[in-house]
Amino acid sequence: MTSLSWTEQCIAEEFAGAVLSLASLCAHRPQQAEQLRLAAVARLDEQGRALLAALAGQIEEGS
């Protein structure tokens, strides 16, 4: 695996932080979790959804 540039590392960390924040909010408000997830996905474009699907595949492989 090649190393990431400083900018790429920052973006990856920012993305991971946002995902962790969303997961935490969903855990804190379980009655709103589905609505929160749907709202987050609705804001993604096609490229963002493809990235999310690829990440889900990598997570499944790692389990």
N, C-alpha and C. Protein backbone atom coordinates (compact mmCIF):
# COMPACT_ATOMS: atom_id res chain seq x y z
N MET A 1 0.84 -1.18 0.00
CA MET A 1 0.00 0.00 0.00
C MET A 1 0.89 1.24 0.00
N THR A 2 0.56 2.19 -0.84
CA THR A 2 1.35 3.41 -0.89
C THR A 2 0.94 4.35 0.24
N SER A 3 1.87 5.20 0.63
CA SER A 3 1.54 6.15 1.69
C SER A 3 0.71 7.30 1.13
N LEU A 4 -0.07 7.90 1.99
CA LEU A 4 -0.93 9.01 1.59
C LEU A 4 -0.22 10.33 1.79
N SER A 5 -0.59 11.28 0.99
CA SER A 5 -0.06 12.64 1.18
C SER A 5 -0.69 13.22 2.44
N TRP A 6 -0.14 14.33 2.88
CA TRP A 6 -0.68 14.99 4.07
C TRP A 6 -2.15 15.35 3.85
N THR A 7 -2.47 15.88 2.68
CA THR A 7 -3.85 16.27 2.36
C THR A 7 -4.76 15.05 2.37
N GLU A 8 -4.32 13.96 1.76
CA GLU A 8 -5.12 12.74 1.72
C GLU A 8 -5.36 12.19 3.13
N GLN A 9 -4.33 12.23 3.96
CA GLN A 9 -4.47 11.77 5.34
C GLN A 9 -5.49 12.63 6.09
N CYS A 10 -5.43 13.94 5.90
CA CYS A 10 -6.36 14.85 6.57
C CYS A 10 -7.80 14.56 6.15
N ILE A 11 -8.00 14.35 4.86
CA ILE A 11 -9.35 14.07 4.36
C ILE A 11 -9.86 12.74 4.90
N ALA A 12 -9.01 11.72 4.91
CA ALA A 12 -9.40 10.41 5.45
C ALA A 12 -9.76 10.52 6.93
N GLU A 13 -8.97 11.27 7.69
CA GLU A 13 -9.26 11.46 9.11
C GLU A 13 -10.56 12.23 9.31
N GLU A 14 -10.78 13.25 8.50
CA GLU A 14 -12.01 14.04 8.60
C GLU A 14 -13.23 13.18 8.29
N PHE A 15 -13.12 12.36 7.27
CA PHE A 15 -14.21 11.46 6.90
C PHE A 15 -14.50 10.47 8.03
N ALA A 16 -13.44 9.86 8.56
CA ALA A 16 -13.62 8.90 9.65
C ALA A 16 -14.24 9.57 10.86
N GLY A 17 -13.83 10.79 11.15
CA GLY A 17 -14.41 11.53 12.28
C GLY A 17 -15.90 11.79 12.09
N ALA A 18 -16.28 12.14 10.87
CA ALA A 18 -17.69 12.39 10.58
C ALA A 18 -18.51 11.11 10.72
N VAL A 19 -17.95 10.00 10.25
CA VAL A 19 -18.65 8.72 10.37
C VAL A 19 -18.81 8.33 11.84
N LEU A 20 -17.75 8.52 12.61
CA LEU A 20 -17.84 8.20 14.04
C LEU A 20 -18.84 9.10 14.75
N SER A 21 -18.90 10.36 14.37
CA SER A 21 -19.89 11.28 14.96
C SER A 21 -21.31 10.84 14.63
N LEU A 22 -21.54 10.46 13.38
CA LEU A 22 -22.86 10.00 12.98
C LEU A 22 -23.22 8.71 13.72
N ALA A 23 -22.28 7.79 13.83
CA ALA A 23 -22.53 6.54 14.56
C ALA A 23 -22.85 6.82 16.02
N SER A 24 -22.13 7.74 16.62
CA SER A 24 -22.38 8.09 18.01
C SER A 24 -23.76 8.71 18.18
N LEU A 25 -24.12 9.60 17.28
CA LEU A 25 -25.44 10.22 17.36
C LEU A 25 -26.54 9.18 17.17
N CYS A 26 -26.34 8.25 16.25
CA CYS A 26 -27.33 7.18 16.04
C CYS A 26 -27.47 6.32 17.29
N ALA A 27 -26.35 6.05 17.96
CA ALA A 27 -26.40 5.25 19.19
C ALA A 27 -27.08 6.02 20.31
N HIS A 28 -26.86 7.33 20.34
CA HIS A 28 -27.45 8.17 21.38
C HIS A 28 -28.95 8.38 21.16
N ARG A 29 -29.35 8.38 19.91
CA ARG A 29 -30.76 8.57 19.56
C ARG A 29 -31.24 7.43 18.66
N PRO A 30 -31.36 6.23 19.21
CA PRO A 30 -31.72 5.07 18.38
C PRO A 30 -33.05 5.22 17.65
N GLN A 31 -33.98 5.97 18.22
CA GLN A 31 -35.27 6.16 17.55
C GLN A 31 -35.14 7.03 16.30
N GLN A 32 -34.04 7.76 16.18
CA GLN A 32 -33.79 8.61 15.01
C GLN A 32 -32.73 8.03 14.08
N ALA A 33 -32.13 6.90 14.45
CA ALA A 33 -30.97 6.36 13.73
C ALA A 33 -31.26 6.13 12.24
N GLU A 34 -32.36 5.49 11.94
CA GLU A 34 -32.68 5.21 10.53
C GLU A 34 -32.84 6.52 9.75
N GLN A 35 -33.54 7.46 10.33
CA GLN A 35 -33.74 8.75 9.68
C GLN A 35 -32.41 9.48 9.48
N LEU A 36 -31.53 9.42 10.46
CA LEU A 36 -30.21 10.05 10.34
C LEU A 36 -29.38 9.41 9.23
N ARG A 37 -29.38 8.08 9.19
CA ARG A 37 -28.62 7.37 8.15
C ARG A 37 -29.15 7.71 6.76
N LEU A 38 -30.48 7.70 6.63
CA LEU A 38 -31.08 8.01 5.33
C LEU A 38 -30.75 9.44 4.90
N ALA A 39 -30.79 10.37 5.85
CA ALA A 39 -30.46 11.77 5.54
C ALA A 39 -29.01 11.90 5.09
N ALA A 40 -28.12 11.17 5.73
CA ALA A 40 -26.71 11.23 5.36
C ALA A 40 -26.49 10.68 3.96
N VAL A 41 -27.09 9.55 3.66
CA VAL A 41 -26.92 8.92 2.35
C VAL A 41 -27.56 9.78 1.26
N ALA A 42 -28.67 10.41 1.58
CA ALA A 42 -29.36 11.25 0.59
C ALA A 42 -28.50 12.41 0.13
N ARG A 43 -27.54 12.82 0.94
CA ARG A 43 -26.68 13.95 0.59
C ARG A 43 -25.47 13.54 -0.26
N LEU A 44 -25.31 12.24 -0.47
CA LEU A 44 -24.20 11.75 -1.28
C LEU A 44 -24.56 11.75 -2.76
N ASP A 45 -23.57 12.03 -3.59
CA ASP A 45 -23.78 11.89 -5.02
C ASP A 45 -23.43 10.45 -5.42
N GLU A 46 -23.46 10.18 -6.71
CA GLU A 46 -23.18 8.82 -7.18
C GLU A 46 -21.78 8.36 -6.78
N GLN A 47 -20.81 9.24 -6.88
CA GLN A 47 -19.44 8.90 -6.53
C GLN A 47 -19.33 8.62 -5.01
N GLY A 48 -20.01 9.41 -4.20
CA GLY A 48 -20.02 9.19 -2.76
C GLY A 48 -20.66 7.87 -2.38
N ARG A 49 -21.74 7.53 -3.06
CA ARG A 49 -22.41 6.25 -2.79
C ARG A 49 -21.55 5.07 -3.21
N ALA A 50 -20.82 5.23 -4.31
CA ALA A 50 -19.91 4.17 -4.75
C ALA A 50 -18.79 3.98 -3.72
N LEU A 51 -18.28 5.08 -3.18
CA LEU A 51 -17.25 4.99 -2.16
C LEU A 51 -17.79 4.29 -0.92
N LEU A 52 -18.99 4.64 -0.51
CA LEU A 52 -19.60 4.02 0.66
C LEU A 52 -19.79 2.52 0.45
N ALA A 53 -20.21 2.12 -0.74
CA ALA A 53 -20.37 0.70 -1.06
C ALA A 53 -19.02 -0.02 -1.02
N ALA A 54 -17.98 0.62 -1.56
CA ALA A 54 -16.64 0.02 -1.54
C ALA A 54 -16.14 -0.14 -0.10
N LEU A 55 -16.38 0.87 0.74
CA LEU A 55 -15.98 0.78 2.14
C LEU A 55 -16.72 -0.34 2.86
N ALA A 56 -18.01 -0.46 2.58
CA ALA A 56 -18.79 -1.54 3.19
C ALA A 56 -18.23 -2.90 2.78
N GLY A 57 -17.84 -3.03 1.52
CA GLY A 57 -17.24 -4.29 1.05
C GLY A 57 -15.93 -4.59 1.78
N GLN A 58 -15.11 -3.56 1.98
CA GLN A 58 -13.85 -3.76 2.69
C GLN A 58 -14.08 -4.13 4.14
N ILE A 59 -15.09 -3.55 4.75
CA ILE A 59 -15.42 -3.87 6.14
C ILE A 59 -15.87 -5.32 6.23
N GLU A 60 -16.69 -5.77 5.29
CA GLU A 60 -17.17 -7.15 5.27
C GLU A 60 -15.99 -8.12 5.10
N GLU A 61 -15.04 -7.78 4.24
CA GLU A 61 -13.87 -8.63 4.02
C GLU A 61 -13.03 -8.76 5.28
N GLY A 62 -12.95 -7.68 6.05
CA GLY A 62 -12.14 -7.66 7.25
C GLY A 62 -12.77 -8.40 8.42
N SER A 63 -14.06 -8.67 8.34
CA SER A 63 -14.76 -9.34 9.46
C SER A 63 -14.53 -10.82 9.46
